[in-house]
């Protein structure tokens, strides 16, 4: 297993992007609607943040039809997993500075 090097990531750090990455980090994929419902935000907010994450290479999207309706699925890429782990490690490092 590769050691995670703590590294702050300004792309992930924004509140909704961190929430999206955290949700996706524990699953293979989630529907766009599930992410929206979980975060309790509009589809516009999810779309805006997903676009940034896709452009950074952290999230992949795929569209499928379920029951005749289009559905968008989101998943964290390998690069996204690495970036999330490094960012969370840096947040832990920062918050542990005053402990002890």
N, C-alpha and C. Protein backbone atom coordinates (compact mmCIF):
# COMPACT_ATOMS: atom_id res chain seq x y z
N UNK A 1 0.84 -1.17 0.00
CA UNK A 1 0.00 0.00 0.00
C UNK A 1 0.89 1.24 0.00
N UNK A 2 0.53 2.22 -0.80
CA UNK A 2 1.29 3.45 -0.92
C UNK A 2 0.93 4.40 0.22
N UNK A 3 1.95 5.00 0.82
CA UNK A 3 1.71 5.96 1.88
C UNK A 3 1.10 7.22 1.29
N UNK A 4 0.12 7.77 1.98
CA UNK A 4 -0.54 8.99 1.53
C UNK A 4 0.25 10.18 2.05
N UNK A 5 0.64 11.03 1.13
CA UNK A 5 1.36 12.26 1.48
C UNK A 5 0.31 13.37 1.64
N UNK A 6 0.20 13.95 2.84
CA UNK A 6 -0.78 15.02 3.04
C UNK A 6 -0.55 16.18 2.08
N UNK A 7 -1.62 16.60 1.42
CA UNK A 7 -1.50 17.72 0.48
C UNK A 7 -2.85 18.41 0.36
N UNK A 8 -2.86 19.71 0.66
CA UNK A 8 -4.07 20.51 0.54
C UNK A 8 -4.46 20.62 -0.93
N UNK A 9 -5.74 20.46 -1.23
CA UNK A 9 -6.22 20.54 -2.61
C UNK A 9 -7.35 21.56 -2.66
N UNK A 10 -7.07 22.71 -3.27
CA UNK A 10 -8.06 23.79 -3.32
C UNK A 10 -9.27 23.43 -4.17
N UNK A 11 -9.12 22.50 -5.11
CA UNK A 11 -10.27 22.08 -5.92
C UNK A 11 -11.25 21.31 -5.05
N UNK A 12 -10.76 20.38 -4.27
CA UNK A 12 -11.62 19.56 -3.42
C UNK A 12 -12.13 20.33 -2.21
N UNK A 13 -11.36 21.28 -1.71
CA UNK A 13 -11.64 21.90 -0.42
C UNK A 13 -12.99 22.63 -0.34
N UNK A 14 -13.48 23.16 -1.43
CA UNK A 14 -14.77 23.85 -1.39
C UNK A 14 -15.82 22.91 -0.81
N UNK A 15 -16.65 23.42 0.06
CA UNK A 15 -17.58 22.61 0.86
C UNK A 15 -18.33 21.56 0.05
N UNK A 16 -19.03 21.97 -0.98
CA UNK A 16 -19.85 21.01 -1.73
C UNK A 16 -18.99 20.02 -2.52
N UNK A 17 -17.84 20.46 -3.00
CA UNK A 17 -16.97 19.53 -3.71
C UNK A 17 -16.38 18.50 -2.76
N UNK A 18 -16.03 18.92 -1.56
CA UNK A 18 -15.54 17.97 -0.55
C UNK A 18 -16.63 16.97 -0.19
N UNK A 19 -17.85 17.44 -0.05
CA UNK A 19 -18.97 16.55 0.25
C UNK A 19 -19.20 15.56 -0.90
N UNK A 20 -19.16 16.03 -2.12
CA UNK A 20 -19.36 15.16 -3.28
C UNK A 20 -18.27 14.10 -3.33
N UNK A 21 -17.03 14.51 -3.19
CA UNK A 21 -15.92 13.55 -3.23
C UNK A 21 -16.02 12.55 -2.09
N UNK A 22 -16.39 13.01 -0.91
CA UNK A 22 -16.53 12.11 0.23
C UNK A 22 -17.64 11.09 0.00
N UNK A 23 -18.75 11.53 -0.56
CA UNK A 23 -19.83 10.59 -0.89
C UNK A 23 -19.37 9.55 -1.90
N UNK A 24 -18.68 10.01 -2.93
CA UNK A 24 -18.26 9.11 -4.00
C UNK A 24 -17.10 8.22 -3.59
N UNK A 25 -16.34 8.64 -2.59
CA UNK A 25 -15.17 7.89 -2.16
C UNK A 25 -15.49 6.52 -1.60
N UNK A 26 -16.71 6.33 -1.11
CA UNK A 26 -17.07 5.07 -0.49
C UNK A 26 -17.90 4.14 -1.35
N UNK A 27 -18.14 4.50 -2.60
CA UNK A 27 -18.99 3.69 -3.48
C UNK A 27 -18.39 3.63 -4.88
N UNK A 28 -18.90 2.70 -5.67
CA UNK A 28 -18.46 2.64 -7.08
C UNK A 28 -19.02 3.82 -7.86
N UNK A 29 -20.30 4.14 -7.62
CA UNK A 29 -20.95 5.25 -8.32
C UNK A 29 -22.23 5.62 -7.59
N UNK A 30 -22.63 6.86 -7.76
CA UNK A 30 -23.92 7.34 -7.23
C UNK A 30 -24.63 8.10 -8.34
N UNK A 31 -25.94 8.05 -8.32
CA UNK A 31 -26.68 8.85 -9.29
C UNK A 31 -26.58 10.32 -8.91
N UNK A 32 -26.66 11.16 -9.91
CA UNK A 32 -26.66 12.62 -9.71
C UNK A 32 -27.76 12.98 -8.74
N UNK A 33 -28.95 12.38 -8.91
CA UNK A 33 -30.10 12.68 -8.05
C UNK A 33 -29.82 12.32 -6.60
N UNK A 34 -29.14 11.21 -6.37
CA UNK A 34 -28.81 10.80 -5.00
C UNK A 34 -27.86 11.80 -4.36
N UNK A 35 -26.88 12.25 -5.11
CA UNK A 35 -25.94 13.25 -4.59
C UNK A 35 -26.70 14.53 -4.25
N UNK A 36 -27.56 14.96 -5.15
CA UNK A 36 -28.35 16.18 -4.93
C UNK A 36 -29.23 16.05 -3.69
N UNK A 37 -29.92 14.92 -3.56
CA UNK A 37 -30.81 14.71 -2.42
C UNK A 37 -30.02 14.63 -1.11
N UNK A 38 -28.86 14.02 -1.14
CA UNK A 38 -28.04 13.88 0.06
C UNK A 38 -27.51 15.22 0.53
N UNK A 39 -27.08 16.06 -0.42
CA UNK A 39 -26.52 17.36 -0.07
C UNK A 39 -27.58 18.42 0.20
N UNK A 40 -28.83 18.12 -0.18
CA UNK A 40 -29.94 19.06 0.01
C UNK A 40 -29.68 20.39 -0.69
N UNK A 41 -29.22 20.29 -1.94
CA UNK A 41 -28.97 21.48 -2.76
C UNK A 41 -29.64 21.32 -4.12
N UNK A 42 -29.67 22.39 -4.89
CA UNK A 42 -30.28 22.34 -6.22
C UNK A 42 -29.41 21.57 -7.21
N UNK A 43 -30.04 21.16 -8.30
CA UNK A 43 -29.27 20.48 -9.34
C UNK A 43 -28.22 21.41 -9.93
N UNK A 44 -28.50 22.71 -9.93
CA UNK A 44 -27.52 23.69 -10.43
C UNK A 44 -26.24 23.64 -9.60
N UNK A 45 -26.39 23.60 -8.28
CA UNK A 45 -25.22 23.58 -7.40
C UNK A 45 -24.40 22.32 -7.63
N UNK A 46 -25.06 21.18 -7.72
CA UNK A 46 -24.34 19.92 -7.97
C UNK A 46 -23.66 19.99 -9.33
N UNK A 47 -24.37 20.43 -10.35
CA UNK A 47 -23.81 20.52 -11.70
C UNK A 47 -22.56 21.39 -11.73
N UNK A 48 -22.63 22.54 -11.08
CA UNK A 48 -21.51 23.49 -11.06
C UNK A 48 -20.28 22.84 -10.44
N UNK A 49 -20.45 22.17 -9.32
CA UNK A 49 -19.31 21.57 -8.63
C UNK A 49 -18.81 20.30 -9.32
N UNK A 50 -19.72 19.53 -9.87
CA UNK A 50 -19.31 18.33 -10.61
C UNK A 50 -18.48 18.73 -11.83
N UNK A 51 -18.87 19.81 -12.48
CA UNK A 51 -18.12 20.28 -13.65
C UNK A 51 -16.67 20.58 -13.28
N UNK A 52 -16.46 21.24 -12.16
CA UNK A 52 -15.10 21.56 -11.70
C UNK A 52 -14.33 20.27 -11.42
N UNK A 53 -14.99 19.32 -10.76
CA UNK A 53 -14.33 18.06 -10.42
C UNK A 53 -14.01 17.23 -11.66
N UNK A 54 -14.89 17.25 -12.65
CA UNK A 54 -14.63 16.54 -13.91
C UNK A 54 -13.45 17.17 -14.63
N UNK A 55 -13.43 18.50 -14.69
CA UNK A 55 -12.34 19.20 -15.37
C UNK A 55 -10.99 18.93 -14.69
N UNK A 56 -11.01 18.70 -13.38
CA UNK A 56 -9.78 18.40 -12.64
C UNK A 56 -9.38 16.93 -12.80
N UNK A 57 -10.26 16.12 -13.37
CA UNK A 57 -9.98 14.70 -13.54
C UNK A 57 -10.32 13.87 -12.31
N UNK A 58 -11.07 14.45 -11.38
CA UNK A 58 -11.39 13.76 -10.13
C UNK A 58 -12.68 12.96 -10.18
N UNK A 59 -13.60 13.35 -11.04
CA UNK A 59 -14.90 12.68 -11.14
C UNK A 59 -15.17 12.34 -12.60
N UNK A 60 -15.75 11.16 -12.79
CA UNK A 60 -16.20 10.73 -14.12
C UNK A 60 -17.72 10.64 -14.11
N UNK A 61 -18.32 10.92 -15.24
CA UNK A 61 -19.77 10.81 -15.36
C UNK A 61 -20.12 9.83 -16.47
N UNK A 62 -21.26 9.20 -16.32
CA UNK A 62 -21.80 8.37 -17.39
C UNK A 62 -23.31 8.49 -17.37
N UNK A 63 -23.88 8.44 -18.55
CA UNK A 63 -25.34 8.57 -18.67
C UNK A 63 -25.92 7.22 -19.09
N UNK A 64 -27.01 6.85 -18.43
CA UNK A 64 -27.72 5.62 -18.74
C UNK A 64 -29.21 5.91 -18.74
N UNK A 65 -29.95 5.01 -19.36
CA UNK A 65 -31.41 5.13 -19.33
C UNK A 65 -31.95 4.08 -18.36
N UNK A 66 -32.77 4.55 -17.43
CA UNK A 66 -33.44 3.66 -16.48
C UNK A 66 -34.93 3.91 -16.57
N UNK A 67 -35.66 2.88 -16.97
CA UNK A 67 -37.11 3.05 -17.11
C UNK A 67 -37.46 4.10 -18.14
N UNK A 68 -36.64 4.22 -19.18
CA UNK A 68 -36.88 5.19 -20.24
C UNK A 68 -36.42 6.61 -19.90
N UNK A 69 -35.95 6.81 -18.69
CA UNK A 69 -35.50 8.14 -18.28
C UNK A 69 -33.98 8.19 -18.22
N UNK A 70 -33.39 9.28 -18.70
CA UNK A 70 -31.93 9.40 -18.60
C UNK A 70 -31.52 9.62 -17.15
N UNK A 71 -30.40 9.01 -16.79
CA UNK A 71 -29.87 9.17 -15.44
C UNK A 71 -28.36 9.33 -15.54
N UNK A 72 -27.83 10.28 -14.80
CA UNK A 72 -26.39 10.52 -14.78
C UNK A 72 -25.80 9.89 -13.53
N UNK A 73 -24.71 9.16 -13.73
CA UNK A 73 -24.00 8.51 -12.63
C UNK A 73 -22.65 9.18 -12.46
N UNK A 74 -22.24 9.34 -11.22
CA UNK A 74 -20.98 9.98 -10.89
C UNK A 74 -20.09 8.98 -10.16
N UNK A 75 -18.81 9.01 -10.48
CA UNK A 75 -17.85 8.16 -9.76
C UNK A 75 -16.54 8.91 -9.60
N UNK A 76 -15.85 8.58 -8.52
CA UNK A 76 -14.56 9.18 -8.25
C UNK A 76 -13.51 8.41 -9.06
N UNK A 77 -12.66 9.11 -9.77
CA UNK A 77 -11.60 8.47 -10.55
C UNK A 77 -10.46 8.06 -9.61
N UNK A 78 -9.52 7.29 -10.13
CA UNK A 78 -8.34 6.93 -9.34
C UNK A 78 -7.62 8.19 -8.89
N UNK A 79 -7.47 9.14 -9.78
CA UNK A 79 -6.84 10.42 -9.44
C UNK A 79 -7.65 11.13 -8.36
N UNK A 80 -8.96 11.06 -8.46
CA UNK A 80 -9.83 11.68 -7.46
C UNK A 80 -9.69 11.04 -6.09
N UNK A 81 -9.59 9.70 -6.07
CA UNK A 81 -9.39 8.99 -4.80
C UNK A 81 -8.08 9.44 -4.15
N UNK A 82 -7.02 9.50 -4.95
CA UNK A 82 -5.71 9.90 -4.42
C UNK A 82 -5.76 11.33 -3.88
N UNK A 83 -6.38 12.23 -4.64
CA UNK A 83 -6.46 13.63 -4.22
C UNK A 83 -7.29 13.76 -2.94
N UNK A 84 -8.39 13.05 -2.85
CA UNK A 84 -9.23 13.10 -1.66
C UNK A 84 -8.47 12.58 -0.44
N UNK A 85 -7.81 11.44 -0.58
CA UNK A 85 -7.04 10.87 0.53
C UNK A 85 -5.95 11.84 0.99
N UNK A 86 -5.25 12.45 0.05
CA UNK A 86 -4.18 13.39 0.39
C UNK A 86 -4.75 14.64 1.08
N UNK A 87 -5.88 15.12 0.58
CA UNK A 87 -6.50 16.31 1.16
C UNK A 87 -6.99 16.02 2.58
N UNK A 88 -7.65 14.88 2.77
CA UNK A 88 -8.13 14.52 4.11
C UNK A 88 -6.96 14.32 5.07
N UNK A 89 -5.86 13.75 4.58
CA UNK A 89 -4.67 13.57 5.41
C UNK A 89 -4.12 14.93 5.83
N UNK A 90 -4.13 15.89 4.92
CA UNK A 90 -3.65 17.24 5.25
C UNK A 90 -4.57 17.91 6.26
N UNK A 91 -5.87 17.75 6.11
CA UNK A 91 -6.80 18.32 7.09
C UNK A 91 -6.58 17.71 8.47
N UNK A 92 -6.34 16.40 8.51
CA UNK A 92 -6.04 15.75 9.79
C UNK A 92 -4.74 16.29 10.37
N UNK A 93 -3.74 16.46 9.51
CA UNK A 93 -2.45 16.99 9.97
C UNK A 93 -2.63 18.39 10.55
N UNK A 94 -3.37 19.23 9.86
CA UNK A 94 -3.60 20.60 10.31
C UNK A 94 -4.36 20.62 11.65
N UNK A 95 -5.39 19.81 11.75
CA UNK A 95 -6.20 19.82 12.97
C UNK A 95 -5.50 19.15 14.13
N UNK A 96 -4.53 18.29 13.88
CA UNK A 96 -3.79 17.63 14.95
C UNK A 96 -2.66 18.48 15.51
N UNK A 97 -2.36 19.60 14.87
CA UNK A 97 -1.23 20.43 15.31
C UNK A 97 -1.39 20.93 16.74
N UNK A 98 -2.60 21.23 17.14
CA UNK A 98 -2.82 21.77 18.48
C UNK A 98 -3.13 20.71 19.51
N UNK A 99 -3.18 19.45 19.11
CA UNK A 99 -3.52 18.38 20.03
C UNK A 99 -2.26 17.84 20.69
N UNK A 100 -2.35 17.56 21.98
CA UNK A 100 -1.24 16.89 22.64
C UNK A 100 -0.55 17.78 23.55
